[in-house]
Amino acid sequence: MSASPAGPSDAMGSEPRGWQGEADRLAHASVGRGDPTGWFEELYAAGESGEVTMAWDRSEPQPLLEAWTREGAVPGGPTVRGEGRSAVVVGCGLGADAEHLASLGFDTTGFDLSPTAIRTARARRPGSAVDYRVADLFELPGEWRHGFDLVVDVYTVQALPPAMREQTVRAVADLVAPGGTLVAIHGVLPADDDGAGPPWLLTADEIRSFTRHGLSEVSVVQDDALVGYPCWRAVFTR
């Protein structure tokens, strides 16, 4: 998960620090004070100020998601259009994945807990067809429950501590409408992982845990090439 520099350097003229190290520091501090989600806004705000490189900063869709749409996993094949169907990107960050779904014709919502992330996404893409929202995954509008034909979760579950895993998986699964599809993309937990996080990567059983919340497994594949490190691409339906 790399990022490119964004924002000005600090007043002393030094280059911004890499966001990954800052993410580790902020996440552990946030979890330690009992606020396991507070670090996302802190990290994006530090990127906006130029203290660190902007987190998760990419202009292209996540490769495994983009490949899934190209392969025809969306009904109709690579030339599919999403007209008449809704999509939501969980923890959309700066919006690359949401913009990709909108380009396929989906009526797309992208939401993130971080106001800075959403403000940046809107500012970068004036006139975007995506409905960008500041929203908490655990306190979503009631009408969103079972409300989307396509739900995309890229790295949200793994960004929160394991103690929140079941709660997070349930909240993501609850967005999938009857007959709808969930695409979940997460890193594979290696045997020698120390569990310190972030990210807190997933085992095969954990990526399949969406089936405990009303979804049926379509496919769970491990890809070691497209992203540069092992990732799950899991597809489920309700």
Protein backbone atom coordinates (compact mmCIF):
# COMPACT_ATOMS: atom_id res chain seq x y z
CA MET A 1 0.00 0.00 0.00
CA SER A 2 2.09 2.87 -1.26
CA ALA A 3 1.33 6.55 -1.49
CA SER A 4 2.74 9.42 -3.47
CA PRO A 5 3.68 12.76 -1.87
CA ALA A 6 0.89 15.29 -1.65
CA GLY A 7 0.69 18.71 -0.08
CA PRO A 8 3.37 21.24 0.72
CA SER A 9 6.46 20.53 2.76
CA ASP A 10 6.63 22.01 6.22
CA ALA A 11 7.83 25.49 7.09
CA MET A 12 11.46 24.32 7.37
CA GLY A 13 11.39 23.07 3.79
CA SER A 14 11.88 19.39 4.63
CA GLU A 15 10.10 16.65 2.74
CA PRO A 16 6.93 15.22 4.32
CA ARG A 17 7.38 12.00 6.25
CA GLY A 18 6.02 8.75 4.84
CA TRP A 19 2.44 8.15 5.90
CA GLN A 20 2.86 4.47 6.76
CA GLY A 21 5.04 5.13 9.80
CA GLU A 22 2.70 7.87 10.95
CA ALA A 23 -0.26 5.51 10.53
CA ASP A 24 1.38 3.01 12.88
CA ARG A 25 2.05 5.66 15.49
CA LEU A 26 -1.39 7.25 15.32
CA ALA A 27 -3.24 3.92 15.24
CA HIS A 28 -1.53 2.55 18.33
CA ALA A 29 -2.10 5.79 20.21
CA SER A 30 -5.73 5.89 19.14
CA VAL A 31 -6.40 2.27 20.10
CA GLY A 32 -4.60 2.83 23.40
CA ARG A 33 -6.95 5.63 24.38
CA GLY A 34 -10.02 3.58 23.46
CA ASP A 35 -10.74 5.35 20.16
CA PRO A 36 -9.82 2.77 17.49
CA THR A 37 -11.17 4.82 14.56
CA GLY A 38 -9.94 8.30 15.51
CA TRP A 39 -6.59 7.92 13.78
CA PHE A 40 -8.03 7.99 10.26
CA GLU A 41 -8.93 11.68 10.41
CA GLU A 42 -5.65 12.48 12.17
CA LEU A 43 -3.71 10.77 9.38
CA TYR A 44 -5.59 12.43 6.52
CA ALA A 45 -5.32 15.82 8.25
CA ALA A 46 -1.55 15.35 8.55
CA GLY A 47 -1.46 14.60 4.84
CA GLU A 48 -3.49 17.69 4.02
CA SER A 49 -1.12 19.87 6.06
CA GLY A 50 1.94 18.41 4.33
CA GLU A 51 3.41 16.89 7.48
CA VAL A 52 3.26 13.43 5.89
CA THR A 53 2.54 12.07 2.43
CA MET A 54 -1.17 11.69 1.78
CA ALA A 55 -2.41 8.28 2.91
CA TRP A 56 -3.78 5.78 0.39
CA ASP A 57 -3.25 8.31 -2.37
CA ARG A 58 -3.92 6.74 -5.77
CA SER A 59 -5.69 7.84 -8.91
CA GLU A 60 -6.43 4.36 -10.25
CA PRO A 61 -8.82 1.75 -8.80
CA GLN A 62 -7.41 -1.00 -6.62
CA PRO A 63 -6.00 -3.53 -9.12
CA LEU A 64 -7.95 -6.54 -7.85
CA LEU A 65 -11.21 -4.59 -8.01
CA GLU A 66 -10.44 -3.29 -11.48
CA ALA A 67 -9.55 -6.80 -12.66
CA TRP A 68 -12.81 -8.18 -11.24
CA THR A 69 -14.84 -5.70 -13.28
CA ARG A 70 -12.77 -6.39 -16.42
CA GLU A 71 -13.16 -10.14 -16.06
CA GLY A 72 -16.89 -9.88 -16.36
CA ALA A 73 -17.59 -10.73 -12.73
CA VAL A 74 -20.11 -7.92 -12.94
CA PRO A 75 -23.00 -9.51 -14.90
CA GLY A 76 -22.71 -8.76 -18.59
CA GLY A 77 -18.95 -8.93 -19.06
CA PRO A 78 -16.24 -6.34 -19.47
CA THR A 79 -18.51 -3.88 -21.29
CA VAL A 80 -21.13 -3.93 -18.55
CA ARG A 81 -22.80 -0.74 -17.49
CA GLY A 82 -24.21 -0.29 -14.02
CA GLU A 83 -27.25 1.78 -14.95
CA GLY A 84 -30.18 1.09 -12.70
CA ARG A 85 -28.00 -0.37 -9.97
CA SER A 86 -26.48 1.17 -6.87
CA ALA A 87 -22.99 0.78 -5.46
CA VAL A 88 -21.22 1.87 -2.29
CA VAL A 89 -17.54 1.99 -1.40
CA VAL A 90 -16.86 1.51 2.30
CA GLY A 91 -14.09 3.75 3.66
CA CYS A 92 -13.70 5.29 0.21
CA GLY A 93 -10.79 7.55 1.17
CA LEU A 94 -9.80 9.79 -1.75
CA GLY A 95 -12.28 8.16 -4.10
CA ALA A 96 -10.43 6.18 -6.79
CA ASP A 97 -12.55 3.04 -6.35
CA ALA A 98 -15.81 4.97 -6.17
CA GLU A 99 -14.94 6.85 -9.36
CA HIS A 100 -14.23 3.55 -11.10
CA LEU A 101 -17.67 2.18 -10.22
CA ALA A 102 -19.33 5.42 -11.30
CA SER A 103 -17.50 5.16 -14.64
CA LEU A 104 -19.25 1.80 -15.13
CA GLY A 105 -22.59 3.52 -14.69
CA PHE A 106 -23.39 2.60 -11.10
CA ASP A 107 -25.24 5.11 -8.96
CA THR A 108 -22.31 5.29 -6.57
CA THR A 109 -21.94 6.41 -2.98
CA GLY A 110 -18.55 6.71 -1.34
CA PHE A 111 -18.32 7.25 2.39
CA ASP A 112 -15.52 7.69 4.87
CA LEU A 113 -15.21 8.50 8.54
CA SER A 114 -12.64 11.21 7.77
CA PRO A 115 -14.02 14.64 6.83
CA THR A 116 -10.62 15.52 5.39
CA ALA A 117 -10.66 12.51 3.07
CA ILE A 118 -14.13 13.36 1.79
CA ARG A 119 -13.32 17.05 1.41
CA THR A 120 -10.19 16.14 -0.56
CA ALA A 121 -12.08 13.68 -2.79
CA ARG A 122 -14.71 16.30 -3.61
CA ALA A 123 -12.11 19.01 -4.24
CA ARG A 124 -10.10 16.80 -6.60
CA ARG A 125 -13.14 15.87 -8.67
CA PRO A 126 -15.54 18.78 -8.99
CA GLY A 127 -18.67 17.65 -10.78
CA SER A 128 -18.11 13.98 -9.90
CA ALA A 129 -21.11 11.68 -10.22
CA VAL A 130 -20.16 10.02 -6.91
CA ASP A 131 -22.16 10.97 -3.83
CA TYR A 132 -19.37 11.48 -1.29
CA ARG A 133 -20.48 11.32 2.34
CA VAL A 134 -18.86 11.62 5.76
CA ALA A 135 -20.29 8.64 7.64
CA ASP A 136 -19.40 6.20 10.41
CA LEU A 137 -19.63 2.54 9.36
CA PHE A 138 -21.14 1.73 12.75
CA GLU A 139 -23.75 4.51 12.66
CA LEU A 140 -24.98 4.53 9.07
CA PRO A 141 -28.34 5.86 7.85
CA GLY A 142 -31.05 3.28 8.39
CA GLU A 143 -32.04 3.27 4.73
CA TRP A 144 -28.58 2.02 3.78
CA ARG A 145 -29.18 -1.34 5.47
CA HIS A 146 -29.52 -3.95 2.70
CA GLY A 147 -29.57 -0.95 0.37
CA PHE A 148 -26.88 -1.47 -2.30
CA ASP A 149 -26.59 -3.78 -5.29
CA LEU A 150 -22.79 -3.71 -5.14
CA VAL A 151 -20.72 -3.15 -1.99
CA VAL A 152 -16.94 -2.75 -2.19
CA ASP A 153 -14.69 -3.00 0.85
CA VAL A 154 -10.99 -2.45 0.16
CA TYR A 155 -8.89 -2.73 3.33
CA THR A 156 -11.51 -1.39 5.78
CA VAL A 157 -11.81 -4.55 7.88
CA GLN A 158 -8.04 -4.95 8.15
CA ALA A 159 -7.62 -1.31 9.22
CA LEU A 160 -9.44 -1.91 12.49
CA PRO A 161 -8.21 -4.01 15.44
CA PRO A 162 -9.08 -7.73 15.57
CA ALA A 163 -11.30 -7.11 18.59
CA MET A 164 -13.62 -5.20 16.22
CA ARG A 165 -13.47 -7.73 13.38
CA GLU A 166 -16.87 -9.35 13.79
CA GLN A 167 -18.55 -5.99 14.33
CA THR A 168 -16.87 -4.56 11.24
CA VAL A 169 -17.66 -7.56 9.03
CA ARG A 170 -21.31 -7.45 10.12
CA ALA A 171 -21.58 -3.72 9.36
CA VAL A 172 -20.14 -4.17 5.87
CA ALA A 173 -22.35 -7.19 5.13
CA ASP A 174 -25.44 -5.27 6.24
CA LEU A 175 -25.04 -2.89 3.28
CA VAL A 176 -25.65 -5.66 0.70
CA ALA A 177 -29.15 -5.69 -0.78
CA PRO A 178 -31.08 -8.91 -1.51
CA GLY A 179 -29.53 -10.26 -4.70
CA GLY A 180 -26.60 -7.89 -4.26
CA THR A 181 -22.86 -8.52 -4.31
CA LEU A 182 -19.99 -7.76 -1.95
CA VAL A 183 -16.39 -7.57 -3.14
CA ALA A 184 -13.97 -7.60 -0.20
CA ILE A 185 -10.23 -7.12 -0.73
CA HIS A 186 -7.79 -7.60 2.13
CA GLY A 187 -4.22 -8.63 2.80
CA VAL A 188 -3.44 -12.27 3.62
CA LEU A 189 -2.16 -12.85 7.15
CA PRO A 190 1.32 -14.41 6.91
CA ALA A 191 2.37 -17.17 9.30
CA ASP A 192 5.03 -14.97 10.92
CA ASP A 193 2.83 -11.90 11.46
CA ASP A 194 3.26 -10.46 14.97
CA GLY A 195 -0.29 -9.08 15.08
CA ALA A 196 0.90 -5.59 15.94
CA GLY A 197 -0.83 -3.87 13.01
CA PRO A 198 -1.97 -1.81 11.34
CA PRO A 199 -2.97 -3.38 9.11
CA TRP A 200 -4.38 -6.39 10.92
CA LEU A 201 -4.44 -8.86 8.04
CA LEU A 202 -6.95 -11.68 7.57
CA THR A 203 -6.81 -15.46 7.61
CA ALA A 204 -8.86 -17.55 5.18
CA ASP A 205 -11.47 -18.18 7.88
CA GLU A 206 -11.70 -14.46 8.64
CA ILE A 207 -12.21 -13.41 5.02
CA ARG A 208 -15.00 -16.01 4.82
CA SER A 209 -16.66 -14.71 7.99
CA PHE A 210 -19.02 -12.57 5.90
CA THR A 211 -21.01 -15.78 5.42
CA ARG A 212 -21.99 -15.58 9.10
CA HIS A 213 -24.00 -12.46 8.32
CA GLY A 214 -26.47 -13.51 5.66
CA LEU A 215 -24.13 -13.73 2.68
CA SER A 216 -23.14 -16.70 0.52
CA GLU A 217 -19.64 -17.23 -0.81
CA VAL A 218 -19.16 -16.97 -4.57
CA SER A 219 -15.36 -17.08 -4.63
CA VAL A 220 -12.35 -16.50 -2.42
CA VAL A 221 -9.05 -16.28 -4.26
CA GLN A 222 -5.56 -15.32 -3.21
CA ASP A 223 -3.56 -13.13 -5.56
CA ASP A 224 0.16 -12.61 -4.97
CA ALA A 225 0.98 -10.60 -8.09
CA LEU A 226 -1.37 -7.75 -8.96
CA VAL A 227 -0.73 -5.69 -5.83
CA GLY A 228 2.77 -6.86 -4.99
CA TYR A 229 1.84 -8.69 -1.79
CA PRO A 230 -0.65 -11.50 -1.06
CA CYS A 231 -4.27 -10.34 -1.05
CA TRP A 232 -7.65 -11.97 -0.78
CA ARG A 233 -10.31 -11.08 -3.31
CA ALA A 234 -13.54 -12.45 -1.92
CA VAL A 235 -16.98 -12.21 -3.54
CA PHE A 236 -20.26 -12.84 -1.73
CA THR A 237 -23.97 -12.43 -2.51
CA ARG A 238 -27.12 -12.05 -0.47
